Amino acid sequence: YRKALRLMRMADRFGLPILCFIDTPGAYPGVQAEERHVAEAIAVNLREMSLLRVPILATVIGVGDRVLVLENSYYSVISPEGCAAILWKNRSFADRAAEALKLTSADLLEMGLADEVITEPLGGAHTAPAAIAASLKAALVRNLQELQKLSTGELLQKRYDKFRAHGRFTTVGEMTVPRGRRRAKAKKNGAEPAAEKPA
């Protein structure tokens, strides 16, 4: 992470655009990662990337002015197997977890987390590397040309607006308060809580 940050700062200094190709699992969540401050290093990179004055193109996901995603790639905060293990205590529910996580390229595009989906050849990108490389190059060049027309101020403002728009949600009905907290909430609001039924 620190090497990557050093190179990105160098690109910023020399006015070079940054192209990120992300194909990696999430950071390892173990004790060793905590001891080495991996989460802090990731957070610093994201903060610093948001302030760089040159165009950033990220393929798959990351802080970028444009995020491109290959058709068969996915992005999620957790793997479907890990999600199923937590929610259903059984990894065999991974298909249900994947559907609920909305992690496909089409889902990412619909939610505004990706800006463009790059179509892959039948069977996936690995079946025709030259063709997918040409498609990716064309998409990168096109997006980079659009971004280079913006002033530094416009670039930074659009990047800020893009990531501030993430995390939209819709409230349906009133939020359910866990039973153990109803009495405290009612007391705080000056009302007498309704009697709680045993579970």
N, C-alpha and C. Protein backbone atom coordinates (compact mmCIF):
# COMPACT_ATOMS: atom_id res chain seq x y z
N TYR A 1 0.83 -1.20 0.00
CA TYR A 1 0.00 0.00 0.00
C TYR A 1 0.87 1.26 0.00
N ARG A 2 1.92 1.23 0.79
CA ARG A 2 2.78 2.42 0.87
C ARG A 2 3.58 2.63 -0.41
N LYS A 3 4.00 1.54 -1.04
CA LYS A 3 4.70 1.65 -2.33
C LYS A 3 3.75 2.23 -3.37
N ALA A 4 2.51 1.74 -3.38
CA ALA A 4 1.52 2.24 -4.33
C ALA A 4 1.28 3.73 -4.12
N LEU A 5 1.19 4.14 -2.86
CA LEU A 5 0.95 5.55 -2.55
C LEU A 5 2.11 6.41 -3.03
N ARG A 6 3.33 5.92 -2.83
CA ARG A 6 4.51 6.67 -3.27
C ARG A 6 4.47 6.88 -4.80
N LEU A 7 4.10 5.83 -5.54
CA LEU A 7 4.04 5.94 -6.99
C LEU A 7 2.90 6.86 -7.45
N MET A 8 1.76 6.80 -6.74
CA MET A 8 0.65 7.69 -7.11
C MET A 8 1.00 9.15 -6.86
N ARG A 9 1.71 9.42 -5.77
CA ARG A 9 2.14 10.79 -5.50
C ARG A 9 3.13 11.28 -6.56
N MET A 10 3.98 10.37 -7.02
CA MET A 10 4.93 10.71 -8.07
C MET A 10 4.18 11.04 -9.37
N ALA A 11 3.16 10.23 -9.69
CA ALA A 11 2.36 10.50 -10.89
C ALA A 11 1.69 11.86 -10.78
N ASP A 12 1.19 12.18 -9.60
CA ASP A 12 0.54 13.47 -9.37
C ASP A 12 1.53 14.61 -9.58
N ARG A 13 2.75 14.43 -9.10
CA ARG A 13 3.78 15.46 -9.22
C ARG A 13 4.13 15.74 -10.69
N PHE A 14 4.15 14.67 -11.50
CA PHE A 14 4.54 14.83 -12.90
C PHE A 14 3.33 14.96 -13.84
N GLY A 15 2.13 15.03 -13.28
CA GLY A 15 0.94 15.23 -14.10
C GLY A 15 0.55 14.02 -14.94
N LEU A 16 0.85 12.82 -14.45
CA LEU A 16 0.52 11.60 -15.19
C LEU A 16 -0.79 11.01 -14.69
N PRO A 17 -1.69 10.58 -15.58
CA PRO A 17 -2.93 9.94 -15.12
C PRO A 17 -2.63 8.61 -14.45
N ILE A 18 -3.51 8.19 -13.55
CA ILE A 18 -3.32 6.94 -12.80
C ILE A 18 -4.35 5.92 -13.25
N LEU A 19 -3.87 4.77 -13.70
CA LEU A 19 -4.74 3.66 -14.09
C LEU A 19 -4.58 2.55 -13.06
N CYS A 20 -5.66 2.20 -12.39
CA CYS A 20 -5.62 1.15 -11.38
C CYS A 20 -6.31 -0.10 -11.93
N PHE A 21 -5.62 -1.22 -11.86
CA PHE A 21 -6.21 -2.50 -12.26
C PHE A 21 -6.33 -3.33 -10.98
N ILE A 22 -7.54 -3.54 -10.52
CA ILE A 22 -7.76 -4.19 -9.23
C ILE A 22 -8.30 -5.59 -9.42
N ASP A 23 -7.54 -6.56 -8.97
CA ASP A 23 -7.95 -7.96 -9.04
C ASP A 23 -7.39 -8.62 -7.79
N THR A 24 -8.04 -8.40 -6.68
CA THR A 24 -7.49 -8.85 -5.42
C THR A 24 -8.60 -9.17 -4.43
N PRO A 25 -8.37 -10.14 -3.56
CA PRO A 25 -9.34 -10.35 -2.47
C PRO A 25 -9.23 -9.22 -1.46
N GLY A 26 -10.14 -9.18 -0.53
CA GLY A 26 -10.08 -8.16 0.51
C GLY A 26 -8.87 -8.36 1.41
N ALA A 27 -8.57 -7.33 2.19
CA ALA A 27 -7.43 -7.42 3.11
C ALA A 27 -7.67 -8.52 4.13
N TYR A 28 -6.62 -9.25 4.48
CA TYR A 28 -6.73 -10.33 5.46
C TYR A 28 -7.09 -9.74 6.83
N PRO A 29 -8.19 -10.20 7.46
CA PRO A 29 -8.65 -9.58 8.70
C PRO A 29 -8.08 -10.22 9.96
N GLY A 30 -6.83 -10.65 9.94
CA GLY A 30 -6.26 -11.35 11.09
C GLY A 30 -5.45 -10.45 12.00
N VAL A 31 -4.90 -11.06 13.05
CA VAL A 31 -4.11 -10.33 14.04
C VAL A 31 -2.88 -9.69 13.40
N GLN A 32 -2.22 -10.43 12.48
CA GLN A 32 -1.01 -9.90 11.86
C GLN A 32 -1.31 -8.62 11.07
N ALA A 33 -2.47 -8.59 10.41
CA ALA A 33 -2.85 -7.38 9.67
C ALA A 33 -3.06 -6.22 10.62
N GLU A 34 -3.65 -6.50 11.78
CA GLU A 34 -3.85 -5.45 12.79
C GLU A 34 -2.50 -4.95 13.31
N GLU A 35 -1.58 -5.87 13.55
CA GLU A 35 -0.26 -5.49 14.06
C GLU A 35 0.50 -4.62 13.06
N ARG A 36 0.27 -4.86 11.78
CA ARG A 36 0.98 -4.11 10.73
C ARG A 36 0.18 -2.91 10.23
N HIS A 37 -0.95 -2.61 10.84
CA HIS A 37 -1.76 -1.44 10.52
C HIS A 37 -2.22 -1.42 9.06
N VAL A 38 -2.64 -2.58 8.55
CA VAL A 38 -3.07 -2.67 7.16
C VAL A 38 -4.31 -1.81 6.91
N ALA A 39 -5.28 -1.85 7.81
CA ALA A 39 -6.50 -1.06 7.63
C ALA A 39 -6.18 0.43 7.54
N GLU A 40 -5.25 0.87 8.37
CA GLU A 40 -4.85 2.28 8.36
C GLU A 40 -4.18 2.64 7.04
N ALA A 41 -3.34 1.74 6.53
CA ALA A 41 -2.65 1.99 5.26
C ALA A 41 -3.65 2.09 4.11
N ILE A 42 -4.67 1.23 4.12
CA ILE A 42 -5.70 1.29 3.08
C ILE A 42 -6.46 2.61 3.17
N ALA A 43 -6.83 3.00 4.38
CA ALA A 43 -7.58 4.25 4.58
C ALA A 43 -6.77 5.46 4.12
N VAL A 44 -5.47 5.47 4.42
CA VAL A 44 -4.61 6.58 3.99
C VAL A 44 -4.57 6.65 2.47
N ASN A 45 -4.43 5.49 1.80
CA ASN A 45 -4.40 5.49 0.34
C ASN A 45 -5.69 6.06 -0.24
N LEU A 46 -6.84 5.64 0.29
CA LEU A 46 -8.11 6.15 -0.21
C LEU A 46 -8.24 7.65 0.01
N ARG A 47 -7.81 8.13 1.18
CA ARG A 47 -7.86 9.56 1.46
C ARG A 47 -6.96 10.33 0.49
N GLU A 48 -5.73 9.85 0.33
CA GLU A 48 -4.79 10.55 -0.54
C GLU A 48 -5.21 10.49 -2.01
N MET A 49 -5.79 9.36 -2.43
CA MET A 49 -6.26 9.26 -3.82
C MET A 49 -7.36 10.27 -4.09
N SER A 50 -8.18 10.55 -3.11
CA SER A 50 -9.28 11.50 -3.32
C SER A 50 -8.77 12.92 -3.54
N LEU A 51 -7.51 13.19 -3.19
CA LEU A 51 -6.95 14.54 -3.30
C LEU A 51 -5.98 14.70 -4.47
N LEU A 52 -5.64 13.62 -5.17
CA LEU A 52 -4.69 13.72 -6.28
C LEU A 52 -5.28 14.58 -7.39
N ARG A 53 -4.45 15.36 -8.07
CA ARG A 53 -4.92 16.35 -9.04
C ARG A 53 -4.89 15.83 -10.48
N VAL A 54 -4.70 14.54 -10.66
CA VAL A 54 -4.67 13.95 -12.00
C VAL A 54 -5.82 12.96 -12.14
N PRO A 55 -6.24 12.66 -13.38
CA PRO A 55 -7.33 11.69 -13.57
C PRO A 55 -6.95 10.31 -13.04
N ILE A 56 -7.94 9.62 -12.44
CA ILE A 56 -7.75 8.26 -11.94
C ILE A 56 -8.81 7.38 -12.60
N LEU A 57 -8.38 6.32 -13.25
CA LEU A 57 -9.30 5.34 -13.83
C LEU A 57 -9.08 4.03 -13.10
N ALA A 58 -10.11 3.50 -12.48
CA ALA A 58 -10.01 2.24 -11.76
C ALA A 58 -10.83 1.19 -12.49
N THR A 59 -10.21 0.08 -12.81
CA THR A 59 -10.94 -1.02 -13.43
C THR A 59 -11.24 -2.04 -12.35
N VAL A 60 -12.46 -2.28 -12.09
CA VAL A 60 -13.11 -3.13 -11.10
C VAL A 60 -13.65 -2.25 -9.99
N ILE A 61 -12.81 -1.71 -9.10
CA ILE A 61 -13.34 -0.85 -8.05
C ILE A 61 -12.20 -0.10 -7.40
N GLY A 62 -12.50 1.03 -6.74
CA GLY A 62 -11.50 1.82 -6.04
C GLY A 62 -11.87 3.28 -6.11
N VAL A 63 -11.03 4.15 -5.57
CA VAL A 63 -11.27 5.58 -5.71
C VAL A 63 -10.83 5.95 -7.11
N GLY A 64 -11.73 6.39 -7.92
CA GLY A 64 -11.40 6.77 -9.28
C GLY A 64 -12.45 7.71 -9.82
N ASP A 65 -12.06 8.53 -10.78
CA ASP A 65 -13.02 9.43 -11.41
C ASP A 65 -14.00 8.62 -12.26
N ARG A 66 -13.53 7.54 -12.83
CA ARG A 66 -14.38 6.61 -13.56
C ARG A 66 -14.03 5.20 -13.08
N VAL A 67 -15.03 4.38 -12.86
CA VAL A 67 -14.81 2.99 -12.45
C VAL A 67 -15.35 2.08 -13.54
N LEU A 68 -14.46 1.32 -14.15
CA LEU A 68 -14.83 0.37 -15.19
C LEU A 68 -14.80 -1.02 -14.58
N VAL A 69 -15.70 -1.88 -15.01
CA VAL A 69 -15.75 -3.23 -14.45
C VAL A 69 -15.95 -4.22 -15.59
N LEU A 70 -15.17 -5.30 -15.57
CA LEU A 70 -15.37 -6.34 -16.57
C LEU A 70 -16.69 -7.04 -16.29
N GLU A 71 -17.31 -7.50 -17.33
CA GLU A 71 -18.66 -8.08 -17.26
C GLU A 71 -18.79 -9.19 -16.23
N ASN A 72 -17.79 -10.05 -16.13
CA ASN A 72 -17.90 -11.21 -15.23
C ASN A 72 -17.21 -11.02 -13.89
N SER A 73 -16.77 -9.80 -13.60
CA SER A 73 -16.15 -9.56 -12.29
C SER A 73 -17.23 -9.15 -11.30
N TYR A 74 -16.87 -9.16 -10.01
CA TYR A 74 -17.83 -8.73 -9.00
C TYR A 74 -17.11 -7.98 -7.90
N TYR A 75 -17.87 -7.20 -7.15
CA TYR A 75 -17.31 -6.43 -6.04
C TYR A 75 -18.27 -6.51 -4.86
N SER A 76 -17.72 -6.78 -3.70
CA SER A 76 -18.56 -6.89 -2.51
C SER A 76 -17.70 -6.68 -1.27
N VAL A 77 -18.34 -6.32 -0.18
CA VAL A 77 -17.61 -6.16 1.08
C VAL A 77 -17.25 -7.51 1.70
N ILE A 78 -17.88 -8.57 1.23
CA ILE A 78 -17.63 -9.91 1.76
C ILE A 78 -17.95 -10.92 0.66
N SER A 79 -17.29 -12.07 0.70
CA SER A 79 -17.58 -13.10 -0.29
C SER A 79 -18.95 -13.70 0.00
N PRO A 80 -19.63 -14.24 -1.02
CA PRO A 80 -20.93 -14.88 -0.77
C PRO A 80 -20.83 -16.00 0.26
N GLU A 81 -19.71 -16.76 0.23
CA GLU A 81 -19.54 -17.86 1.19
C GLU A 81 -19.40 -17.32 2.61
N GLY A 82 -18.63 -16.24 2.76
CA GLY A 82 -18.47 -15.64 4.09
C GLY A 82 -19.78 -15.07 4.61
N CYS A 83 -20.54 -14.43 3.73
CA CYS A 83 -21.84 -13.88 4.10
C CYS A 83 -22.79 -14.99 4.53
N ALA A 84 -22.82 -16.09 3.76
CA ALA A 84 -23.71 -17.21 4.09
C ALA A 84 -23.32 -17.83 5.42
N ALA A 85 -22.02 -17.91 5.68
CA ALA A 85 -21.55 -18.49 6.94
C ALA A 85 -22.00 -17.65 8.13
N ILE A 86 -22.07 -16.34 7.95
CA ILE A 86 -22.49 -15.45 9.04
C ILE A 86 -24.01 -15.45 9.20
N LEU A 87 -24.74 -15.28 8.08
CA LEU A 87 -26.19 -15.14 8.16
C LEU A 87 -26.93 -16.46 8.38
N TRP A 88 -26.50 -17.51 7.68
CA TRP A 88 -27.21 -18.79 7.75
C TRP A 88 -26.40 -19.88 8.45
N LYS A 89 -25.20 -19.52 8.92
CA LYS A 89 -24.31 -20.49 9.60
C LYS A 89 -24.00 -21.68 8.70
N ASN A 90 -24.07 -21.46 7.38
CA ASN A 90 -23.85 -22.56 6.45
C ASN A 90 -23.44 -21.98 5.10
N ARG A 91 -22.24 -22.33 4.64
CA ARG A 91 -21.72 -21.80 3.37
C ARG A 91 -22.50 -22.29 2.15
N SER A 92 -23.33 -23.32 2.32
CA SER A 92 -24.08 -23.82 1.17
C SER A 92 -25.15 -22.83 0.69
N PHE A 93 -25.41 -21.78 1.47
CA PHE A 93 -26.38 -20.76 1.07
C PHE A 93 -25.70 -19.62 0.31
N ALA A 94 -24.52 -19.87 -0.23
CA ALA A 94 -23.75 -18.83 -0.93
C ALA A 94 -24.52 -18.23 -2.10
N ASP A 95 -25.32 -19.03 -2.81
CA ASP A 95 -26.07 -18.50 -3.95
C ASP A 95 -27.10 -17.47 -3.49
N ARG A 96 -27.77 -17.74 -2.36
CA ARG A 96 -28.74 -16.77 -1.83
C ARG A 96 -28.03 -15.51 -1.36
N ALA A 97 -26.86 -15.70 -0.73
CA ALA A 97 -26.09 -14.55 -0.26
C ALA A 97 -25.63 -13.68 -1.43
N ALA A 98 -25.18 -14.33 -2.50
CA ALA A 98 -24.71 -13.58 -3.68
C ALA A 98 -25.83 -12.74 -4.27
N GLU A 99 -27.02 -13.30 -4.32
CA GLU A 99 -28.17 -12.57 -4.86
C GLU A 99 -28.51 -11.36 -3.98
N ALA A 100 -28.44 -11.56 -2.66
CA ALA A 100 -28.76 -10.47 -1.74
C ALA A 100 -27.70 -9.37 -1.74
N LEU A 101 -26.44 -9.74 -1.97
CA LEU A 101 -25.34 -8.78 -1.94
C LEU A 101 -25.32 -7.84 -3.15
N LYS A 102 -26.00 -8.22 -4.23
CA LYS A 102 -26.03 -7.38 -5.44
C LYS A 102 -24.61 -7.03 -5.88
N LEU A 103 -23.81 -8.04 -6.21
CA LEU A 103 -22.40 -7.82 -6.46
C LEU A 103 -21.97 -7.98 -7.91
N THR A 104 -22.90 -8.23 -8.83
CA THR A 104 -22.52 -8.42 -10.23
C THR A 104 -22.26 -7.08 -10.91
N SER A 105 -21.63 -7.14 -12.07
CA SER A 105 -21.33 -5.90 -12.80
C SER A 105 -22.61 -5.13 -13.15
N ALA A 106 -23.69 -5.85 -13.50
CA ALA A 106 -24.96 -5.19 -13.81
C ALA A 106 -25.52 -4.49 -12.57
N ASP A 107 -25.42 -5.13 -11.41
CA ASP A 107 -25.88 -4.52 -10.16
C ASP A 107 -25.07 -3.26 -9.85
N LEU A 108 -23.74 -3.36 -10.01
CA LEU A 108 -22.87 -2.22 -9.72
C LEU A 108 -23.20 -1.03 -10.61
N LEU A 109 -23.47 -1.31 -11.88
CA LEU A 109 -23.82 -0.24 -12.82
C LEU A 109 -25.15 0.40 -12.43
N GLU A 110 -26.13 -0.43 -12.09
CA GLU A 110 -27.46 0.07 -11.71
C GLU A 110 -27.41 0.93 -10.45
N MET A 111 -26.55 0.55 -9.50
CA MET A 111 -26.45 1.30 -8.24
C MET A 111 -25.52 2.51 -8.34
N GLY A 112 -24.88 2.68 -9.49
CA GLY A 112 -23.98 3.83 -9.67
C GLY A 112 -22.60 3.63 -9.07
N LEU A 113 -22.26 2.40 -8.70
CA LEU A 113 -20.94 2.13 -8.16
C LEU A 113 -19.92 1.90 -9.27
N ALA A 114 -20.38 1.55 -10.46
CA ALA A 114 -19.53 1.42 -11.64
C ALA A 114 -20.07 2.35 -12.71
N ASP A 115 -19.17 2.86 -13.55
CA ASP A 115 -19.58 3.79 -14.61
C ASP A 115 -19.74 3.11 -15.96
N GLU A 116 -19.07 1.98 -16.14
CA GLU A 116 -19.14 1.30 -17.43
C GLU A 116 -18.80 -0.17 -17.26
N VAL A 117 -19.54 -1.03 -17.95
CA VAL A 117 -19.26 -2.47 -17.95
C VAL A 117 -18.63 -2.82 -19.29
N ILE A 118 -17.48 -3.46 -19.22
CA ILE A 118 -16.78 -3.86 -20.44
C ILE A 118 -17.17 -5.30 -20.76
N THR A 119 -17.77 -5.48 -21.92
CA THR A 119 -18.26 -6.80 -22.34
C THR A 119 -17.10 -7.75 -22.55
N GLU A 120 -17.25 -8.97 -22.04
CA GLU A 120 -16.21 -10.00 -22.20
C GLU A 120 -16.62 -10.98 -23.29
N PRO A 121 -15.64 -11.64 -23.91
CA PRO A 121 -15.96 -12.67 -24.90
C PRO A 121 -16.65 -13.86 -24.24
N LEU A 122 -17.34 -14.65 -25.03
CA LEU A 122 -18.02 -15.84 -24.52
C LEU A 122 -17.02 -16.72 -23.78
N GLY A 123 -17.34 -17.09 -22.55
CA GLY A 123 -16.43 -17.93 -21.76
C GLY A 123 -15.54 -17.13 -20.82
N GLY A 124 -15.53 -15.80 -20.93
CA GLY A 124 -14.76 -14.97 -20.02
C GLY A 124 -13.53 -14.35 -20.67
N ALA A 125 -12.95 -13.37 -20.01
CA ALA A 125 -11.81 -12.61 -20.54
C ALA A 125 -10.61 -13.49 -20.83
N HIS A 126 -10.42 -14.53 -20.03
CA HIS A 126 -9.23 -15.38 -20.21
C HIS A 126 -9.25 -16.18 -21.51
N THR A 127 -10.41 -16.29 -22.15
CA THR A 127 -10.49 -17.07 -23.39
C THR A 127 -9.98 -16.28 -24.60
N ALA A 128 -9.93 -14.95 -24.49
CA ALA A 128 -9.44 -14.11 -25.59
C ALA A 128 -8.72 -12.89 -25.03
N PRO A 129 -7.53 -13.09 -24.46
CA PRO A 129 -6.81 -11.98 -23.81
C PRO A 129 -6.57 -10.77 -24.71
N ALA A 130 -6.21 -11.01 -25.98
CA ALA A 130 -5.93 -9.89 -26.88
C ALA A 130 -7.19 -9.05 -27.13
N ALA A 131 -8.33 -9.73 -27.30
CA ALA A 131 -9.58 -9.02 -27.56
C ALA A 131 -10.01 -8.19 -26.36
N ILE A 132 -9.91 -8.76 -25.16
CA ILE A 132 -10.34 -8.02 -23.97
C ILE A 132 -9.37 -6.87 -23.69
N ALA A 133 -8.09 -7.08 -23.97
CA ALA A 133 -7.11 -6.00 -23.79
C ALA A 133 -7.44 -4.84 -24.72
N ALA A 134 -7.82 -5.13 -25.96
CA ALA A 134 -8.17 -4.07 -26.91
C ALA A 134 -9.43 -3.34 -26.47
N SER A 135 -10.44 -4.08 -25.97
CA SER A 135 -11.68 -3.45 -25.48
C SER A 135 -11.40 -2.56 -24.28
N LEU A 136 -10.57 -3.07 -23.37
CA LEU A 136 -10.23 -2.30 -22.18
C LEU A 136 -9.45 -1.04 -22.55
N LYS A 137 -8.50 -1.18 -23.48
CA LYS A 137 -7.71 -0.02 -23.91
C LYS A 137 -8.62 1.05 -24.50
N ALA A 138 -9.55 0.64 -25.35
CA ALA A 138 -10.47 1.60 -25.98
C ALA A 138 -11.29 2.34 -24.92
N ALA A 139 -11.78 1.60 -23.91
CA ALA A 139 -12.59 2.21 -22.85
C ALA A 139 -11.74 3.16 -22.01
N LEU A 140 -10.52 2.76 -21.69
CA LEU A 140 -9.64 3.61 -20.89
C LEU A 140 -9.29 4.89 -21.63
N VAL A 141 -8.93 4.77 -22.91
CA VAL A 141 -8.56 5.95 -23.70
C VAL A 141 -9.74 6.91 -23.81
N ARG A 142 -10.93 6.38 -24.09
CA ARG A 142 -12.13 7.21 -24.23
C ARG A 142 -12.43 7.97 -22.93
N ASN A 143 -12.42 7.25 -21.80
CA ASN A 143 -12.71 7.89 -20.51
C ASN A 143 -11.63 8.88 -20.12
N LEU A 144 -10.37 8.54 -20.39
CA LEU A 144 -9.27 9.43 -20.05
C LEU A 144 -9.36 10.73 -20.84
N GLN A 145 -9.70 10.65 -22.12
CA GLN A 145 -9.84 11.85 -22.95
C GLN A 145 -10.94 12.76 -22.41
N GLU A 146 -12.04 12.15 -21.93
CA GLU A 146 -13.13 12.94 -21.35
C GLU A 146 -12.69 13.64 -20.07
N LEU A 147 -11.94 12.92 -19.23
CA LEU A 147 -11.51 13.48 -17.95
C LEU A 147 -10.46 14.57 -18.12
N GLN A 148 -9.62 14.43 -19.14
CA GLN A 148 -8.55 15.42 -19.34
C GLN A 148 -9.09 16.76 -19.84
N LYS A 149 -10.34 16.82 -20.24
CA LYS A 149 -10.96 18.08 -20.64
C LYS A 149 -11.38 18.92 -19.43
N LEU A 150 -11.42 18.30 -18.24
CA LEU A 150 -11.85 18.99 -17.04
C LEU A 150 -10.68 19.74 -16.39
N SER A 151 -10.98 20.86 -15.75
CA SER A 151 -9.96 21.55 -14.96
C SER A 151 -9.71 20.75 -13.69
N THR A 152 -8.61 21.04 -12.99
CA THR A 152 -8.30 20.33 -11.75
C THR A 152 -9.43 20.49 -10.74
N GLY A 153 -9.98 21.70 -10.64
CA GLY A 153 -11.07 21.94 -9.70
C GLY A 153 -12.31 21.13 -10.04
N GLU A 154 -12.65 21.07 -11.33
CA GLU A 154 -13.82 20.29 -11.76
C GLU A 154 -13.59 18.80 -11.50
N LEU A 155 -12.37 18.34 -11.78
CA LEU A 155 -12.04 16.93 -11.57
C LEU A 155 -12.22 16.53 -10.11
N LEU A 156 -11.67 17.35 -9.21
CA LEU A 156 -11.76 17.04 -7.77
C LEU A 156 -13.20 17.12 -7.28
N GLN A 157 -13.96 18.11 -7.77
CA GLN A 157 -15.35 18.26 -7.32
C GLN A 157 -16.21 17.10 -7.79
N LYS A 158 -16.04 16.69 -9.06
CA LYS A 158 -16.80 15.55 -9.59
C LYS A 158 -16.44 14.27 -8.85
N ARG A 159 -15.17 14.08 -8.52
CA ARG A 159 -14.75 12.89 -7.76
C ARG A 159 -15.40 12.90 -6.38
N TYR A 160 -15.38 14.05 -5.73
CA TYR A 160 -16.00 14.18 -4.40
C TYR A 160 -17.49 13.87 -4.48
N ASP A 161 -18.18 14.47 -5.45
CA ASP A 161 -19.62 14.25 -5.59
C ASP A 161 -19.94 12.78 -5.88
N LYS A 162 -19.11 12.16 -6.69
CA LYS A 162 -19.32 10.75 -7.06
C LYS A 162 -19.33 9.86 -5.82
N PHE A 163 -18.33 10.02 -4.96
CA PHE A 163 -18.24 9.13 -3.80
C PHE A 163 -19.17 9.55 -2.67
N ARG A 164 -19.55 10.81 -2.62
CA ARG A 164 -20.55 11.23 -1.63
C ARG A 164 -21.92 10.66 -1.97
N ALA A 165 -22.16 10.37 -3.26
CA ALA A 165 -23.46 9.84 -3.67
C ALA A 165 -23.60 8.35 -3.36
N HIS A 166 -22.49 7.68 -3.04
CA HIS A 166 -22.58 6.26 -2.70
C HIS A 166 -23.28 6.08 -1.37
N GLY A 167 -23.94 4.94 -1.21
CA GLY A 167 -24.59 4.65 0.07
C GLY A 167 -25.98 5.22 0.19
N ARG A 168 -26.63 5.50 -0.92
CA ARG A 168 -28.02 5.96 -0.85
C ARG A 168 -28.90 4.84 -0.32
N PHE A 169 -29.95 5.20 0.38
CA PHE A 169 -30.84 4.18 0.92
C PHE A 169 -32.26 4.70 0.96
N THR A 170 -33.19 3.77 1.11
CA THR A 170 -34.60 4.11 1.21
C THR A 170 -35.12 3.54 2.53
N THR A 171 -35.84 4.35 3.28
CA THR A 171 -36.43 3.89 4.53
C THR A 171 -37.84 3.38 4.24
N VAL A 172 -38.13 2.18 4.68
CA VAL A 172 -39.45 1.60 4.49
C VAL A 172 -40.04 1.37 5.88
N GLY A 173 -41.07 2.12 6.22
CA GLY A 173 -41.68 1.97 7.55
C GLY A 173 -40.76 2.50 8.64
N GLU A 174 -41.11 2.22 9.87
CA GLU A 174 -40.32 2.67 11.01
C GLU A 174 -39.31 1.61 11.39
N MET A 175 -38.13 2.06 11.77
CA MET A 175 -37.08 1.13 12.14
C MET A 175 -37.50 0.33 13.38
N THR A 176 -37.24 -0.97 13.36
CA THR A 176 -37.57 -1.81 14.51
C THR A 176 -36.47 -1.69 15.54
N VAL A 177 -36.85 -1.40 16.77
CA VAL A 177 -35.88 -1.29 17.86
C VAL A 177 -35.81 -2.63 18.58
N PRO A 178 -34.61 -3.17 18.81
CA PRO A 178 -34.51 -4.44 19.53
C PRO A 178 -35.24 -4.37 20.87
N ARG A 179 -35.86 -5.48 21.29
CA ARG A 179 -36.70 -5.51 22.48
C ARG A 179 -36.00 -4.96 23.71
N GLY A 180 -34.74 -5.30 23.89
CA GLY A 180 -34.02 -4.87 25.09
C GLY A 180 -33.82 -3.37 25.17
N ARG A 181 -33.94 -2.67 24.04
CA ARG A 181 -33.71 -1.23 24.02
C ARG A 181 -35.00 -0.43 24.04
N ARG A 182 -36.16 -1.09 23.94
CA ARG A 182 -37.43 -0.36 23.87
C ARG A 182 -37.67 0.46 25.14
N ARG A 183 -37.41 -0.15 26.29
CA ARG A 183 -37.67 0.53 27.55
C ARG A 183 -36.80 1.79 27.68
N ALA A 184 -35.51 1.66 27.33
CA ALA A 184 -34.60 2.81 27.44
C ALA A 184 -35.01 3.91 26.47
N LYS A 185 -35.42 3.53 25.25
CA LYS A 185 -35.84 4.51 24.25
C LYS A 185 -37.11 5.23 24.71
N ALA A 186 -38.07 4.47 25.23
CA ALA A 186 -39.33 5.06 25.67
C ALA A 186 -39.09 6.00 26.85
N LYS A 187 -38.22 5.59 27.78
CA LYS A 187 -37.93 6.41 28.95
C LYS A 187 -37.28 7.72 28.53
N LYS A 188 -36.37 7.63 27.55
CA LYS A 188 -35.68 8.82 27.05
C LYS A 188 -36.67 9.79 26.41
N ASN A 189 -37.69 9.25 25.74
CA ASN A 189 -38.70 10.09 25.09
C ASN A 189 -39.82 10.50 26.04
N GLY A 190 -39.76 10.09 27.31
CA GLY A 190 -40.75 10.48 28.30
C GLY A 190 -42.05 9.70 28.24
N ALA A 191 -42.03 8.54 27.58
CA ALA A 191 -43.24 7.72 27.48
C ALA A 191 -43.05 6.44 28.27
N GLU A 192 -44.17 5.85 28.64
CA GLU A 192 -44.12 4.56 29.34
C GLU A 192 -44.10 3.46 28.29
N PRO A 193 -43.08 2.61 28.27
CA PRO A 193 -43.00 1.57 27.24
C PRO A 193 -44.11 0.55 27.39
N ALA A 194 -44.50 0.00 26.25
CA ALA A 194 -45.51 -1.09 26.27
C ALA A 194 -44.87 -2.32 26.89
N ALA A 195 -45.71 -3.14 27.51
CA ALA A 195 -45.20 -4.36 28.13
C ALA A 195 -44.59 -5.25 27.08
N GLU A 196 -43.42 -5.79 27.39
CA GLU A 196 -42.73 -6.67 26.45
C GLU A 196 -43.19 -8.10 26.68
N LYS A 197 -43.51 -8.74 25.60
CA LYS A 197 -43.90 -10.16 25.67
C LYS A 197 -42.65 -11.01 25.69
N PRO A 198 -42.66 -12.08 26.46
CA PRO A 198 -41.48 -12.96 26.46
C PRO A 198 -41.32 -13.60 25.09
N ALA A 199 -40.04 -13.85 24.74
CA ALA A 199 -39.76 -14.44 23.42
C ALA A 199 -40.18 -15.89 23.40
